[in-house]
């Protein structure tokens, strides 16, 4: 049998990884809101109607 040992992660790497994850989550949320806002108020009827049809297909209220 072999025993495995784990090496502790230094605090500075843990903080860096946490900041990176939070930055990615925030960037994804902002991008999602920009796309949602852009489609919801799009002047192009194609983009607006496509998003509208998706809401009907997923049985979510839209009006």
N, C-alpha and C. Protein backbone atom coordinates (compact mmCIF):
# COMPACT_ATOMS: atom_id res chain seq x y z
N UNK A 1 0.83 -1.16 0.00
CA UNK A 1 0.00 0.00 0.00
C UNK A 1 0.89 1.24 0.00
N UNK A 2 0.43 2.24 -0.72
CA UNK A 2 1.17 3.50 -0.74
C UNK A 2 0.31 4.55 -0.07
N UNK A 3 0.97 5.42 0.61
CA UNK A 3 0.24 6.52 1.23
C UNK A 3 0.44 7.77 0.41
N UNK A 4 -0.62 8.53 0.26
CA UNK A 4 -0.52 9.77 -0.50
C UNK A 4 -0.49 10.94 0.46
N UNK A 5 0.29 11.89 0.12
CA UNK A 5 0.35 13.11 0.92
C UNK A 5 -0.05 14.28 0.05
N UNK A 6 -0.69 15.21 0.64
CA UNK A 6 -1.07 16.41 -0.08
C UNK A 6 -0.26 17.58 0.43
N UNK A 7 0.08 18.43 -0.48
CA UNK A 7 0.80 19.63 -0.08
C UNK A 7 -0.20 20.77 0.03
N UNK A 8 -0.11 21.55 1.06
CA UNK A 8 -1.06 22.65 1.22
C UNK A 8 -0.85 23.72 0.15
N UNK A 9 -1.95 24.33 -0.24
CA UNK A 9 -1.89 25.40 -1.23
C UNK A 9 -1.55 26.70 -0.51
N UNK A 10 -0.55 27.40 -1.01
CA UNK A 10 -0.20 28.68 -0.36
C UNK A 10 -1.37 29.67 -0.43
N UNK A 11 -1.44 30.52 0.57
CA UNK A 11 -2.54 31.48 0.67
C UNK A 11 -2.61 32.41 -0.52
N UNK A 12 -1.46 32.85 -1.04
CA UNK A 12 -1.49 33.78 -2.16
C UNK A 12 -2.06 33.13 -3.41
N UNK A 13 -1.83 31.85 -3.63
CA UNK A 13 -2.42 31.15 -4.77
C UNK A 13 -3.92 30.96 -4.58
N UNK A 14 -4.34 30.69 -3.36
CA UNK A 14 -5.76 30.51 -3.07
C UNK A 14 -6.51 31.83 -3.30
N UNK A 15 -5.94 32.93 -2.86
CA UNK A 15 -6.57 34.24 -3.06
C UNK A 15 -6.63 34.57 -4.54
N UNK A 16 -5.55 34.28 -5.26
CA UNK A 16 -5.51 34.55 -6.69
C UNK A 16 -6.57 33.73 -7.44
N UNK A 17 -6.72 32.47 -7.07
CA UNK A 17 -7.71 31.62 -7.71
C UNK A 17 -9.13 32.11 -7.40
N UNK A 18 -9.36 32.55 -6.18
CA UNK A 18 -10.68 33.05 -5.80
C UNK A 18 -11.01 34.33 -6.56
N UNK A 19 -10.05 35.22 -6.66
CA UNK A 19 -10.26 36.47 -7.41
C UNK A 19 -10.53 36.17 -8.88
N UNK A 20 -9.79 35.23 -9.44
CA UNK A 20 -9.99 34.86 -10.83
C UNK A 20 -11.39 34.31 -11.05
N UNK A 21 -11.84 33.45 -10.16
CA UNK A 21 -13.18 32.88 -10.28
C UNK A 21 -14.24 33.96 -10.17
N UNK A 22 -14.10 34.86 -9.21
CA UNK A 22 -15.08 35.94 -9.04
C UNK A 22 -15.10 36.87 -10.26
N UNK A 23 -13.93 37.14 -10.81
CA UNK A 23 -13.86 37.99 -11.99
C UNK A 23 -14.57 37.32 -13.17
N UNK A 24 -14.36 36.02 -13.34
CA UNK A 24 -15.02 35.30 -14.43
C UNK A 24 -16.54 35.28 -14.25
N UNK A 25 -16.99 35.07 -13.02
CA UNK A 25 -18.42 35.07 -12.75
C UNK A 25 -19.04 36.44 -13.03
N UNK A 26 -18.37 37.48 -12.59
CA UNK A 26 -18.88 38.84 -12.82
C UNK A 26 -18.89 39.18 -14.30
N UNK A 27 -17.85 38.82 -15.01
CA UNK A 27 -17.78 39.09 -16.44
C UNK A 27 -18.87 38.34 -17.19
N UNK A 28 -19.13 37.10 -16.80
CA UNK A 28 -20.20 36.33 -17.42
C UNK A 28 -21.56 36.93 -17.15
N UNK A 29 -21.78 37.39 -15.93
CA UNK A 29 -23.05 38.02 -15.58
C UNK A 29 -23.27 39.31 -16.37
N UNK A 30 -22.23 40.11 -16.47
CA UNK A 30 -22.33 41.37 -17.22
C UNK A 30 -22.61 41.09 -18.70
N UNK A 31 -21.89 40.13 -19.26
CA UNK A 31 -22.10 39.78 -20.66
C UNK A 31 -23.53 39.28 -20.88
N UNK A 32 -24.01 38.45 -19.97
CA UNK A 32 -25.38 37.95 -20.09
C UNK A 32 -26.40 39.06 -20.03
N UNK A 33 -26.21 40.01 -19.12
CA UNK A 33 -27.14 41.13 -19.01
C UNK A 33 -27.10 42.03 -20.24
N UNK A 34 -25.91 42.23 -20.80
CA UNK A 34 -25.79 43.04 -22.01
C UNK A 34 -26.53 42.38 -23.17
N UNK A 35 -26.34 41.07 -23.31
CA UNK A 35 -27.02 40.34 -24.39
C UNK A 35 -28.53 40.37 -24.17
N UNK A 36 -28.96 40.13 -22.94
CA UNK A 36 -30.39 40.14 -22.63
C UNK A 36 -31.00 41.51 -22.91
N UNK A 37 -30.34 42.56 -22.47
CA UNK A 37 -30.83 43.92 -22.70
C UNK A 37 -30.84 44.23 -24.20
N UNK A 38 -29.77 43.82 -24.87
CA UNK A 38 -29.67 44.09 -26.31
C UNK A 38 -30.77 43.41 -27.11
N UNK A 39 -31.10 42.17 -26.75
CA UNK A 39 -32.14 41.44 -27.48
C UNK A 39 -33.52 41.95 -27.09
N UNK A 40 -33.70 42.24 -25.82
CA UNK A 40 -35.02 42.68 -25.36
C UNK A 40 -35.44 43.99 -26.01
N UNK A 41 -34.51 44.88 -26.21
CA UNK A 41 -34.82 46.19 -26.79
C UNK A 41 -34.26 46.35 -28.19
N UNK A 42 -34.08 45.25 -28.88
CA UNK A 42 -33.50 45.30 -30.23
C UNK A 42 -34.49 45.95 -31.20
N UNK A 43 -33.95 46.74 -32.07
CA UNK A 43 -34.76 47.34 -33.11
C UNK A 43 -35.07 46.32 -34.20
N UNK A 44 -34.19 45.33 -34.33
CA UNK A 44 -34.38 44.29 -35.32
C UNK A 44 -35.50 43.35 -34.87
N UNK A 45 -36.54 43.23 -35.64
CA UNK A 45 -37.62 42.33 -35.22
C UNK A 45 -37.20 40.86 -35.22
N UNK A 46 -36.19 40.52 -35.99
CA UNK A 46 -35.72 39.13 -36.03
C UNK A 46 -35.15 38.72 -34.68
N UNK A 47 -34.27 39.53 -34.11
CA UNK A 47 -33.66 39.20 -32.82
C UNK A 47 -34.71 39.23 -31.72
N UNK A 48 -35.55 40.23 -31.73
CA UNK A 48 -36.57 40.35 -30.68
C UNK A 48 -37.55 39.18 -30.74
N UNK A 49 -38.01 38.84 -31.94
CA UNK A 49 -38.98 37.76 -32.08
C UNK A 49 -38.38 36.41 -31.75
N UNK A 50 -37.10 36.22 -32.05
CA UNK A 50 -36.43 34.96 -31.71
C UNK A 50 -36.40 34.79 -30.19
N UNK A 51 -36.04 35.84 -29.48
CA UNK A 51 -36.01 35.77 -28.02
C UNK A 51 -37.42 35.60 -27.47
N UNK A 52 -38.38 36.24 -28.08
CA UNK A 52 -39.77 36.14 -27.65
C UNK A 52 -40.28 34.71 -27.84
N UNK A 53 -39.95 34.10 -28.97
CA UNK A 53 -40.38 32.73 -29.23
C UNK A 53 -39.75 31.76 -28.25
N UNK A 54 -38.51 31.99 -27.86
CA UNK A 54 -37.85 31.12 -26.89
C UNK A 54 -38.59 31.19 -25.56
N UNK A 55 -39.02 32.34 -25.17
CA UNK A 55 -39.77 32.47 -23.91
C UNK A 55 -41.07 31.67 -23.98
N UNK A 56 -41.74 31.69 -25.12
CA UNK A 56 -42.97 30.92 -25.26
C UNK A 56 -42.69 29.42 -25.23
N UNK A 57 -41.63 28.98 -25.89
CA UNK A 57 -41.29 27.56 -25.94
C UNK A 57 -40.92 27.04 -24.56
N UNK A 58 -40.24 27.84 -23.75
CA UNK A 58 -39.84 27.41 -22.41
C UNK A 58 -40.93 27.69 -21.37
N UNK A 59 -42.12 28.08 -21.82
CA UNK A 59 -43.29 28.29 -20.98
C UNK A 59 -43.01 29.31 -19.87
N UNK A 60 -42.38 30.40 -20.24
CA UNK A 60 -42.14 31.49 -19.31
C UNK A 60 -43.01 32.66 -19.71
N UNK A 61 -43.55 33.37 -18.76
CA UNK A 61 -44.39 34.51 -19.12
C UNK A 61 -43.57 35.62 -19.76
N UNK A 62 -44.15 36.29 -20.70
CA UNK A 62 -43.41 37.37 -21.36
C UNK A 62 -44.19 38.67 -21.42
N UNK A 63 -45.43 38.64 -21.03
CA UNK A 63 -46.24 39.87 -21.08
C UNK A 63 -46.80 40.16 -19.72
